[in-house]
Amino acid sequence: MQPGEQRDEVEMLSLMLLIRRFEERASQQYQAQKIGGFCHLYIGQEAVVTGAIAAVRDDDYVITAYRDHAHALARDTSADACMAELFGKETGCSRGLGGSMHFFNRKNHMYGGHAIVGAHVPLAVGMAFATKYLGEDGSRSASSVTARSIKELSTKL
């Protein structure tokens, strides 16, 4: 998707259709028992994630709960990588280890999918606090922010 300022209605509609078709295919494969574990779909909520992602910058962090397929797609994770993740393949966005509830894409600042209800909230607060505390903005990796934050916070407290 284009940067937030340049997204138009046609592009947003295309994303919503991609998400819907992806979720329909995931549902078919899950019902055929080709996807193991759970499969939490986002059907009917496509406009929510499309609008939310359109409102953030490309270098903003995105973190969500267990219905995360649409968020990954909206953050430009390829449909192939997302589907491969559902099938447990190495080419998946979490190398086939995350399944339906743990889609990650560090390059696009998509930090999950967390299966425990509400577990993403303290993680998001920690990421926001670390970014603000360190005076950082722009592109950064969560692991480096977290590691540096813990070191710097422990020396300043």
Foldseek 3Di string as FASTA:
>chain_A
DDWLVPDDPVNLVVLLVVLQVLQVVLVVCVVVVQFDDDADHCPPPSNVLSVVLSPDGQQDAAEDAQHCLSNCVSLPDDSVQCVCLRNQDCSHQVRSPPHRQFHDHQVRNYGTGDHPVPPVVVVVVVQVCLCVVVVHDGHDGSVVSVVVSVVVVVVVD
